[in-house]
Amino acid sequence: MNTSPNIEKISKVLLILFIIGFLGNYFFSNTLSSYLSLQDIGQYKLHLHIISIAQTVVLLLINIALGIWLYKKAPSYKWGWMLLAFVFGINAVIVFYLNHIMTTLSKKEKVNLLK
């Protein structure tokens, strides 16, 4: 599979942003909550909900982008790969590449058996 350098750079940036967002949400919710007084709890919950909604929107946009990318890259079952990316996100890309590696290896084994 020929991937352009731009797609590889974008995928690396998306992966880094995904990890930062996940870790940031985890540390923000766990560490900051222990420092708040009872008066700040309501305001803290509002900020946490806003951050959670923003993270959900960004992850949804990433899943849509991954779905479109898999639709363009998949040699067959394009709609299936796109649907998997919409639902499972980066995990669908991992499964897609594992599937590609396995099919490539099986084709090479068949060629070696014929010699």
Protein backbone atom coordinates (compact mmCIF):
# COMPACT_ATOMS: atom_id res chain seq x y z
CA MET A 1 0.00 0.00 0.00
CA ASN A 2 1.40 3.32 -1.03
CA THR A 3 0.75 5.96 1.56
CA SER A 4 1.70 9.51 0.93
CA PRO A 5 3.90 11.29 3.48
CA ASN A 6 1.07 13.74 4.22
CA ILE A 7 -1.29 10.97 5.29
CA GLU A 8 1.40 9.45 7.49
CA LYS A 9 2.07 12.82 9.13
CA ILE A 10 -1.65 13.42 9.68
CA SER A 11 -2.11 9.96 11.16
CA LYS A 12 0.79 10.52 13.57
CA VAL A 13 -0.60 13.90 14.62
CA LEU A 14 -4.08 12.41 15.14
CA LEU A 15 -2.66 9.59 17.23
CA ILE A 16 -0.69 12.01 19.40
CA LEU A 17 -3.76 14.26 19.83
CA PHE A 18 -5.89 11.25 20.75
CA ILE A 19 -3.40 10.15 23.42
CA ILE A 20 -3.01 13.69 24.80
CA GLY A 21 -6.78 14.14 24.93
CA PHE A 22 -7.33 10.84 26.69
CA LEU A 23 -4.57 11.39 29.25
CA GLY A 24 -5.53 15.04 29.75
CA ASN A 25 -9.14 14.14 30.47
CA TYR A 26 -8.06 11.42 32.88
CA PHE A 27 -5.63 13.60 34.85
CA PHE A 28 -7.95 16.61 34.80
CA SER A 29 -10.87 14.67 36.24
CA ASN A 30 -8.85 12.79 38.85
CA THR A 31 -6.37 15.33 40.16
CA LEU A 32 -8.35 18.55 40.01
CA SER A 33 -11.41 17.13 41.75
CA SER A 34 -9.41 16.52 44.93
CA TYR A 35 -8.49 20.24 45.20
CA LEU A 36 -11.99 21.68 44.84
CA SER A 37 -14.13 22.94 47.70
CA LEU A 38 -17.83 22.17 47.98
CA GLN A 39 -18.70 25.58 46.52
CA ASP A 40 -16.77 24.87 43.34
CA ILE A 41 -18.25 21.45 42.65
CA GLY A 42 -21.10 22.73 40.46
CA GLN A 43 -18.82 24.91 38.37
CA TYR A 44 -16.28 22.09 38.12
CA LYS A 45 -18.95 19.69 36.85
CA LEU A 46 -20.03 22.21 34.21
CA HIS A 47 -16.44 22.61 32.99
CA LEU A 48 -15.96 18.85 33.01
CA HIS A 49 -19.08 18.38 30.89
CA ILE A 50 -17.96 21.02 28.41
CA ILE A 51 -14.53 19.40 28.10
CA SER A 52 -16.14 15.97 27.75
CA ILE A 53 -18.45 17.21 24.98
CA ALA A 54 -15.53 18.82 23.16
CA GLN A 55 -13.51 15.63 23.42
CA THR A 56 -16.44 13.59 22.12
CA VAL A 57 -16.88 15.91 19.13
CA VAL A 58 -13.16 15.75 18.30
CA LEU A 59 -13.14 11.95 18.56
CA LEU A 60 -16.24 11.77 16.35
CA LEU A 61 -14.53 13.94 13.73
CA ILE A 62 -11.45 11.72 13.92
CA ASN A 63 -13.63 8.61 13.44
CA ILE A 64 -15.32 10.20 10.43
CA ALA A 65 -11.93 11.10 8.92
CA LEU A 66 -10.64 7.57 9.55
CA GLY A 67 -13.79 6.13 7.95
CA ILE A 68 -13.32 8.21 4.81
CA TRP A 69 -9.64 7.32 4.70
CA LEU A 70 -10.36 3.58 5.04
CA TYR A 71 -13.04 3.85 2.36
CA LYS A 72 -10.41 5.22 -0.03
CA LYS A 73 -7.68 2.74 0.97
CA ALA A 74 -9.65 -0.50 1.17
CA PRO A 75 -9.39 -2.67 -1.95
CA SER A 76 -12.68 -4.41 -1.15
CA TYR A 77 -15.54 -4.15 1.36
CA LYS A 78 -15.17 -0.37 1.34
CA TRP A 79 -18.44 0.31 3.14
CA GLY A 80 -17.65 -2.27 5.80
CA TRP A 81 -14.29 -0.75 6.61
CA MET A 82 -15.82 2.71 6.69
CA LEU A 83 -18.52 1.57 9.10
CA LEU A 84 -15.94 -0.13 11.33
CA ALA A 85 -13.93 3.10 11.46
CA PHE A 86 -17.02 5.15 12.33
CA VAL A 87 -17.80 2.85 15.24
CA PHE A 88 -14.39 1.70 16.48
CA GLY A 89 -12.08 4.50 15.30
CA ILE A 90 -8.36 3.82 15.45
CA ASN A 91 -8.97 0.14 16.30
CA ALA A 92 -10.48 -0.35 12.83
CA VAL A 93 -7.29 1.02 11.26
CA ILE A 94 -5.22 -1.41 13.32
CA VAL A 95 -7.43 -4.32 12.20
CA PHE A 96 -7.24 -3.07 8.59
CA TYR A 97 -3.44 -3.13 8.62
CA LEU A 98 -3.33 -6.51 10.37
CA ASN A 99 -5.67 -7.85 7.70
CA HIS A 100 -3.46 -6.38 4.99
CA ILE A 101 -0.34 -7.94 6.52
CA MET A 102 -2.00 -11.34 6.84
CA THR A 103 -3.25 -11.34 3.24
CA THR A 104 0.16 -10.25 1.97
CA LEU A 105 1.89 -13.02 3.91
CA SER A 106 -0.59 -15.63 2.75
CA LYS A 107 -0.07 -14.59 -0.89
CA LYS A 108 3.70 -14.88 -0.47
CA GLU A 109 3.34 -18.33 1.07
CA LYS A 110 1.20 -19.48 -1.84
CA VAL A 111 3.80 -18.19 -4.29
CA ASN A 112 6.57 -19.98 -2.38
CA LEU A 113 4.60 -23.22 -2.39
CA LEU A 114 4.21 -23.09 -6.15
CA LYS A 115 7.97 -22.89 -6.76
